[in-house]
Amino acid sequence: MLGGSAGFGFPLDPSLYTSAAVCNWSGTVPSCKPVQCPPLVMRNLEPLEVVHYNDSYQGYVSFHCPLGYRLRGAIEIQCLQDGSWSAPPPTCQEIECPPPLPPLNGKVEEFRRYKVGAMVKYSCDSNLVIMGQPILICQADGTWSAPPPYCTIGCPYPEISLSNGQFSPIKFFYHPGDSVLVTCDPGFALSDERRDKLICNAVGKWFGNTGECLLVPTEPGPVYYYDEYEEDEQDDNDDDTGNKL
């Protein structure tokens, strides 16, 4: 009987063979064929992307999911000695952020789904101001870009129209008891210096009445007059060389 074997990746085809008594071989000489795994079925796996593909023995296939998707399964599979793949192809699962909860005494824009890149905007009820980021973005890891904000009593920057001036200090939020002063632009002055500030009260409203920034009048400068008689008289007293006569 004659036996044979092949190395890894090259199985005998079809099997071991024996010799007959009359010295005639019972079959043809076997051959070694390279192991190759079957083609991967990628149907219905979109948007899964193949980064590297080798279906021979010890070859591997690697996969990738685009932004906004999470890979579920093996990121890489290998062709085994028996001609099978080490695992089935993975899938791409769309990433979503959890629904945002509205703040107490406030609200948040609601959507059916919160995919990567989706933005939500928070707002507060009247006389309340928002603390934290008012706009959050769903990130690629399925989390929001910042903790959810909350609503509290306070005053926003004054919306009172003030020509030729501004309120300072400039902030997005003022606690009850905080005040802002009127600062007039250069060349302008407050009409009533006693009305130079607003105060944020306990219910989140501005209290006070400010003056106006008015243009500061400027004093007239010196006026120069041109005397033609004096100039003519001076010319008559000069000779052609410009010297006095």
Foldseek 3Di string as FASTA:
>chain_A
DDADADDQQWGWPPGGFDADPVRHTPDDDTGTDGAFADDADCPPQPPKAWDDDDGTAQDKIAIDDDQQWDKADDRMWGQHRVRYIPDHHIHTHGAFAPWDDAAVQWGKDDDPTQTAQDKMAIDHHPQKHKDDDRIWGQHRVRYIPDPDIHIDHWEAADPDDAPQWGWPDHDGTGHQFDKTFIDGHPQWDFPDPVQTMWGQHPSNDTDGDGGHTGGDDDDDDDDDDDDPVVVVVQVVQADPVRDGD
